[in-house]
Amino acid sequence: MDANHLEVIVSELNDGARLELVGRMDFSSVTKFRAAMIKASQKEWPNVVVDCARLEYIDSSAMGNLLFWRGKLEEHQRAITLANCNGPVLKALRIGGFHKLFEMQ
């Protein structure tokens, strides 16, 4: 996997979708996340869980994208949850105040 690679693995849950992020989510790779979120929003799943267990890095453009999708889903009474955030990803999210804006598991 190259340094700018992001893989998004989408699986269906009983009440929504799980998007597992693998690698680095930054300006150059956030389009893969956006494409997965577009598919998830079209399926009208009530809940989307973004699993960050294997996410190594996140930058401000990717964090902005998370905020965008939070707003889009909430417009339709749907939820987005950040799960398994750790290391530098958790640190960046906490600095950005995301633990106050998102449900985090």
N, C-alpha and C. Protein backbone atom coordinates (compact mmCIF):
# COMPACT_ATOMS: atom_id res chain seq x y z
N MET A 1 0.85 -1.18 0.00
CA MET A 1 0.00 0.00 0.00
C MET A 1 0.89 1.23 0.00
N ASP A 2 0.63 2.15 -0.95
CA ASP A 2 1.46 3.35 -0.99
C ASP A 2 1.04 4.33 0.12
N ALA A 3 1.84 5.34 0.34
CA ALA A 3 1.66 6.26 1.46
C ALA A 3 0.35 7.04 1.39
N ASN A 4 -0.22 7.24 0.20
CA ASN A 4 -1.45 8.01 0.07
C ASN A 4 -2.67 7.15 -0.18
N HIS A 5 -2.56 5.88 0.09
CA HIS A 5 -3.63 4.96 -0.23
C HIS A 5 -4.70 4.91 0.87
N LEU A 6 -5.94 4.88 0.47
CA LEU A 6 -7.07 4.66 1.36
C LEU A 6 -7.94 3.59 0.74
N GLU A 7 -8.28 2.61 1.53
CA GLU A 7 -9.24 1.60 1.11
C GLU A 7 -10.47 1.76 1.99
N VAL A 8 -11.64 1.71 1.37
CA VAL A 8 -12.90 1.79 2.11
C VAL A 8 -13.66 0.49 1.86
N ILE A 9 -13.86 -0.27 2.92
CA ILE A 9 -14.56 -1.55 2.83
C ILE A 9 -15.96 -1.34 3.41
N VAL A 10 -16.97 -1.52 2.58
CA VAL A 10 -18.35 -1.29 3.00
C VAL A 10 -19.03 -2.63 3.25
N SER A 11 -19.67 -2.73 4.41
CA SER A 11 -20.47 -3.91 4.71
C SER A 11 -21.80 -3.48 5.31
N GLU A 12 -22.80 -4.31 5.12
CA GLU A 12 -24.13 -3.98 5.60
C GLU A 12 -24.32 -4.52 7.01
N LEU A 13 -24.94 -3.72 7.86
CA LEU A 13 -25.29 -4.09 9.22
C LEU A 13 -26.81 -4.25 9.30
N ASN A 14 -27.31 -4.73 10.42
CA ASN A 14 -28.76 -4.87 10.59
C ASN A 14 -29.49 -3.55 10.41
N ASP A 15 -28.90 -2.46 10.91
CA ASP A 15 -29.58 -1.17 10.88
C ASP A 15 -28.79 -0.12 10.10
N GLY A 16 -27.94 -0.54 9.19
CA GLY A 16 -27.18 0.44 8.43
C GLY A 16 -25.99 -0.13 7.72
N ALA A 17 -24.93 0.66 7.71
CA ALA A 17 -23.71 0.28 6.99
C ALA A 17 -22.49 0.51 7.87
N ARG A 18 -21.46 -0.24 7.59
CA ARG A 18 -20.16 -0.07 8.24
C ARG A 18 -19.15 0.22 7.14
N LEU A 19 -18.44 1.34 7.29
CA LEU A 19 -17.38 1.71 6.36
C LEU A 19 -16.07 1.58 7.11
N GLU A 20 -15.29 0.58 6.76
CA GLU A 20 -13.99 0.39 7.39
C GLU A 20 -12.95 1.14 6.57
N LEU A 21 -12.24 2.04 7.23
CA LEU A 21 -11.21 2.83 6.56
C LEU A 21 -9.85 2.22 6.85
N VAL A 22 -9.09 1.96 5.78
CA VAL A 22 -7.78 1.34 5.90
C VAL A 22 -6.76 2.23 5.20
N GLY A 23 -5.76 2.68 5.96
CA GLY A 23 -4.70 3.50 5.37
C GLY A 23 -4.73 4.92 5.85
N ARG A 24 -4.63 5.85 4.91
CA ARG A 24 -4.55 7.28 5.23
C ARG A 24 -5.69 8.03 4.52
N MET A 25 -6.40 8.86 5.27
CA MET A 25 -7.46 9.66 4.66
C MET A 25 -7.02 11.12 4.70
N ASP A 26 -6.69 11.63 3.52
CA ASP A 26 -6.25 13.01 3.40
C ASP A 26 -6.80 13.59 2.10
N PHE A 27 -6.36 14.79 1.78
CA PHE A 27 -6.87 15.49 0.60
C PHE A 27 -6.79 14.63 -0.66
N SER A 28 -5.72 13.87 -0.81
CA SER A 28 -5.53 13.10 -2.05
C SER A 28 -6.33 11.80 -2.08
N SER A 29 -6.85 11.36 -0.95
CA SER A 29 -7.55 10.08 -0.94
C SER A 29 -9.00 10.17 -0.48
N VAL A 30 -9.45 11.35 -0.09
CA VAL A 30 -10.78 11.48 0.49
C VAL A 30 -11.90 11.19 -0.52
N THR A 31 -11.59 11.23 -1.81
CA THR A 31 -12.62 10.94 -2.81
C THR A 31 -13.16 9.51 -2.68
N LYS A 32 -12.33 8.58 -2.22
CA LYS A 32 -12.80 7.20 -2.02
C LYS A 32 -13.83 7.14 -0.90
N PHE A 33 -13.58 7.88 0.17
CA PHE A 33 -14.53 7.95 1.26
C PHE A 33 -15.83 8.60 0.79
N ARG A 34 -15.71 9.69 0.06
CA ARG A 34 -16.88 10.40 -0.46
C ARG A 34 -17.73 9.48 -1.33
N ALA A 35 -17.09 8.70 -2.20
CA ALA A 35 -17.84 7.79 -3.07
C ALA A 35 -18.59 6.74 -2.25
N ALA A 36 -17.97 6.21 -1.21
CA ALA A 36 -18.63 5.22 -0.36
C ALA A 36 -19.81 5.85 0.39
N MET A 37 -19.65 7.09 0.83
CA MET A 37 -20.74 7.78 1.54
C MET A 37 -21.90 8.10 0.60
N ILE A 38 -21.60 8.41 -0.64
CA ILE A 38 -22.68 8.64 -1.61
C ILE A 38 -23.50 7.38 -1.78
N LYS A 39 -22.84 6.24 -1.91
CA LYS A 39 -23.56 4.96 -2.03
C LYS A 39 -24.38 4.68 -0.78
N ALA A 40 -23.79 4.92 0.38
CA ALA A 40 -24.50 4.67 1.65
C ALA A 40 -25.71 5.58 1.76
N SER A 41 -25.59 6.83 1.35
CA SER A 41 -26.72 7.75 1.46
C SER A 41 -27.81 7.40 0.46
N GLN A 42 -27.46 6.85 -0.69
CA GLN A 42 -28.46 6.45 -1.67
C GLN A 42 -29.26 5.24 -1.19
N LYS A 43 -28.64 4.39 -0.40
CA LYS A 43 -29.34 3.22 0.12
C LYS A 43 -30.23 3.57 1.31
N GLU A 44 -30.10 4.79 1.79
CA GLU A 44 -30.92 5.31 2.88
C GLU A 44 -30.81 4.48 4.16
N TRP A 45 -29.61 3.96 4.42
CA TRP A 45 -29.38 3.29 5.68
C TRP A 45 -29.54 4.29 6.81
N PRO A 46 -30.23 3.92 7.90
CA PRO A 46 -30.45 4.88 8.99
C PRO A 46 -29.19 5.20 9.79
N ASN A 47 -28.24 4.28 9.80
CA ASN A 47 -27.00 4.47 10.57
C ASN A 47 -25.80 4.11 9.72
N VAL A 48 -24.78 4.94 9.83
CA VAL A 48 -23.51 4.65 9.17
C VAL A 48 -22.43 4.67 10.24
N VAL A 49 -21.70 3.57 10.36
CA VAL A 49 -20.59 3.46 11.29
C VAL A 49 -19.30 3.56 10.49
N VAL A 50 -18.46 4.53 10.83
CA VAL A 50 -17.16 4.69 10.18
C VAL A 50 -16.13 4.08 11.13
N ASP A 51 -15.61 2.92 10.74
CA ASP A 51 -14.67 2.18 11.57
C ASP A 51 -13.24 2.64 11.25
N CYS A 52 -12.61 3.25 12.24
CA CYS A 52 -11.28 3.83 12.06
C CYS A 52 -10.16 2.98 12.65
N ALA A 53 -10.44 1.73 13.00
CA ALA A 53 -9.44 0.88 13.66
C ALA A 53 -8.16 0.76 12.84
N ARG A 54 -8.28 0.73 11.52
CA ARG A 54 -7.12 0.55 10.65
C ARG A 54 -6.74 1.83 9.89
N LEU A 55 -7.33 2.96 10.34
CA LEU A 55 -6.98 4.25 9.75
C LEU A 55 -5.73 4.77 10.45
N GLU A 56 -4.70 5.07 9.68
CA GLU A 56 -3.41 5.47 10.24
C GLU A 56 -3.26 6.98 10.38
N TYR A 57 -4.00 7.74 9.56
CA TYR A 57 -3.80 9.19 9.52
C TYR A 57 -5.07 9.84 8.99
N ILE A 58 -5.37 11.02 9.50
CA ILE A 58 -6.48 11.81 8.97
C ILE A 58 -6.06 13.28 8.99
N ASP A 59 -6.36 14.01 7.91
CA ASP A 59 -6.01 15.43 7.88
C ASP A 59 -7.27 16.28 7.94
N SER A 60 -7.10 17.59 7.92
CA SER A 60 -8.23 18.50 8.10
C SER A 60 -9.24 18.41 6.96
N SER A 61 -8.80 18.14 5.74
CA SER A 61 -9.75 18.03 4.64
C SER A 61 -10.64 16.80 4.82
N ALA A 62 -10.07 15.72 5.32
CA ALA A 62 -10.85 14.52 5.59
C ALA A 62 -11.80 14.75 6.76
N MET A 63 -11.34 15.47 7.77
CA MET A 63 -12.20 15.78 8.91
C MET A 63 -13.36 16.67 8.46
N GLY A 64 -13.09 17.59 7.57
CA GLY A 64 -14.15 18.42 7.01
C GLY A 64 -15.17 17.59 6.26
N ASN A 65 -14.71 16.56 5.58
CA ASN A 65 -15.60 15.67 4.86
C ASN A 65 -16.50 14.91 5.83
N LEU A 66 -15.95 14.47 6.96
CA LEU A 66 -16.77 13.82 7.99
C LEU A 66 -17.87 14.76 8.47
N LEU A 67 -17.52 16.02 8.70
CA LEU A 67 -18.52 17.00 9.14
C LEU A 67 -19.60 17.22 8.08
N PHE A 68 -19.19 17.28 6.83
CA PHE A 68 -20.15 17.43 5.74
C PHE A 68 -21.17 16.30 5.77
N TRP A 69 -20.69 15.06 5.87
CA TRP A 69 -21.58 13.91 5.83
C TRP A 69 -22.43 13.80 7.09
N ARG A 70 -21.91 14.23 8.21
CA ARG A 70 -22.71 14.28 9.43
C ARG A 70 -23.93 15.17 9.20
N GLY A 71 -23.70 16.34 8.63
CA GLY A 71 -24.79 17.27 8.34
C GLY A 71 -25.79 16.71 7.35
N LYS A 72 -25.29 16.11 6.28
CA LYS A 72 -26.17 15.54 5.25
C LYS A 72 -27.05 14.44 5.83
N LEU A 73 -26.47 13.56 6.63
CA LEU A 73 -27.25 12.46 7.21
C LEU A 73 -28.26 12.99 8.23
N GLU A 74 -27.84 13.93 9.04
CA GLU A 74 -28.75 14.47 10.06
C GLU A 74 -29.94 15.19 9.44
N GLU A 75 -29.77 15.77 8.26
CA GLU A 75 -30.88 16.40 7.55
C GLU A 75 -32.02 15.42 7.32
N HIS A 76 -31.68 14.14 7.23
CA HIS A 76 -32.66 13.08 6.95
C HIS A 76 -32.87 12.15 8.14
N GLN A 77 -32.59 12.67 9.34
CA GLN A 77 -32.75 11.93 10.59
C GLN A 77 -31.99 10.61 10.58
N ARG A 78 -30.79 10.66 10.06
CA ARG A 78 -29.90 9.50 10.02
C ARG A 78 -28.66 9.83 10.83
N ALA A 79 -27.93 8.79 11.24
CA ALA A 79 -26.80 9.01 12.15
C ALA A 79 -25.50 8.48 11.56
N ILE A 80 -24.40 9.11 11.98
CA ILE A 80 -23.05 8.65 11.64
C ILE A 80 -22.28 8.53 12.96
N THR A 81 -21.60 7.41 13.12
CA THR A 81 -20.83 7.12 14.33
C THR A 81 -19.40 6.84 13.94
N LEU A 82 -18.45 7.34 14.72
CA LEU A 82 -17.03 7.03 14.52
C LEU A 82 -16.67 5.94 15.53
N ALA A 83 -16.10 4.86 15.04
CA ALA A 83 -15.79 3.71 15.91
C ALA A 83 -14.31 3.35 15.84
N ASN A 84 -13.82 2.86 16.95
CA ASN A 84 -12.47 2.29 17.05
C ASN A 84 -11.36 3.26 16.67
N CYS A 85 -11.56 4.54 16.93
CA CYS A 85 -10.53 5.53 16.64
C CYS A 85 -9.41 5.38 17.68
N ASN A 86 -8.18 5.45 17.24
CA ASN A 86 -7.05 5.31 18.16
C ASN A 86 -5.84 6.05 17.63
N GLY A 87 -4.81 6.11 18.45
CA GLY A 87 -3.54 6.70 18.05
C GLY A 87 -3.66 8.11 17.52
N PRO A 88 -2.91 8.43 16.46
CA PRO A 88 -2.90 9.79 15.92
C PRO A 88 -4.25 10.23 15.37
N VAL A 89 -5.06 9.28 14.92
CA VAL A 89 -6.39 9.61 14.40
C VAL A 89 -7.28 10.11 15.55
N LEU A 90 -7.28 9.38 16.65
CA LEU A 90 -8.06 9.80 17.82
C LEU A 90 -7.58 11.15 18.34
N LYS A 91 -6.27 11.34 18.36
CA LYS A 91 -5.71 12.60 18.83
C LYS A 91 -6.18 13.76 17.95
N ALA A 92 -6.12 13.59 16.63
CA ALA A 92 -6.55 14.64 15.71
C ALA A 92 -8.04 14.94 15.87
N LEU A 93 -8.85 13.89 16.03
CA LEU A 93 -10.29 14.09 16.19
C LEU A 93 -10.60 14.81 17.50
N ARG A 94 -9.88 14.47 18.55
CA ARG A 94 -10.10 15.14 19.84
C ARG A 94 -9.68 16.60 19.78
N ILE A 95 -8.55 16.88 19.15
CA ILE A 95 -8.10 18.27 19.00
C ILE A 95 -9.14 19.07 18.23
N GLY A 96 -9.73 18.44 17.23
CA GLY A 96 -10.76 19.10 16.43
C GLY A 96 -12.13 19.16 17.10
N GLY A 97 -12.26 18.56 18.28
CA GLY A 97 -13.53 18.58 19.00
C GLY A 97 -14.57 17.61 18.47
N PHE A 98 -14.14 16.64 17.68
CA PHE A 98 -15.06 15.70 17.07
C PHE A 98 -15.73 14.79 18.11
N HIS A 99 -15.09 14.59 19.24
CA HIS A 99 -15.70 13.77 20.29
C HIS A 99 -16.94 14.45 20.87
N LYS A 100 -17.10 15.74 20.62
CA LYS A 100 -18.29 16.48 21.05
C LYS A 100 -19.35 16.51 19.97
N LEU A 101 -18.97 16.29 18.73
CA LEU A 101 -19.88 16.40 17.60
C LEU A 101 -20.41 15.05 17.10
N PHE A 102 -19.65 14.00 17.34
CA PHE A 102 -19.99 12.67 16.84
C PHE A 102 -20.15 11.71 18.01
N GLU A 103 -21.02 10.73 17.81
CA GLU A 103 -21.00 9.61 18.74
C GLU A 103 -19.74 8.82 18.41
N MET A 104 -18.97 8.49 19.45
CA MET A 104 -17.74 7.74 19.23
C MET A 104 -17.79 6.47 20.08
N GLN A 105 -17.53 5.35 19.43
CA GLN A 105 -17.53 4.05 20.10
C GLN A 105 -16.11 3.56 20.27
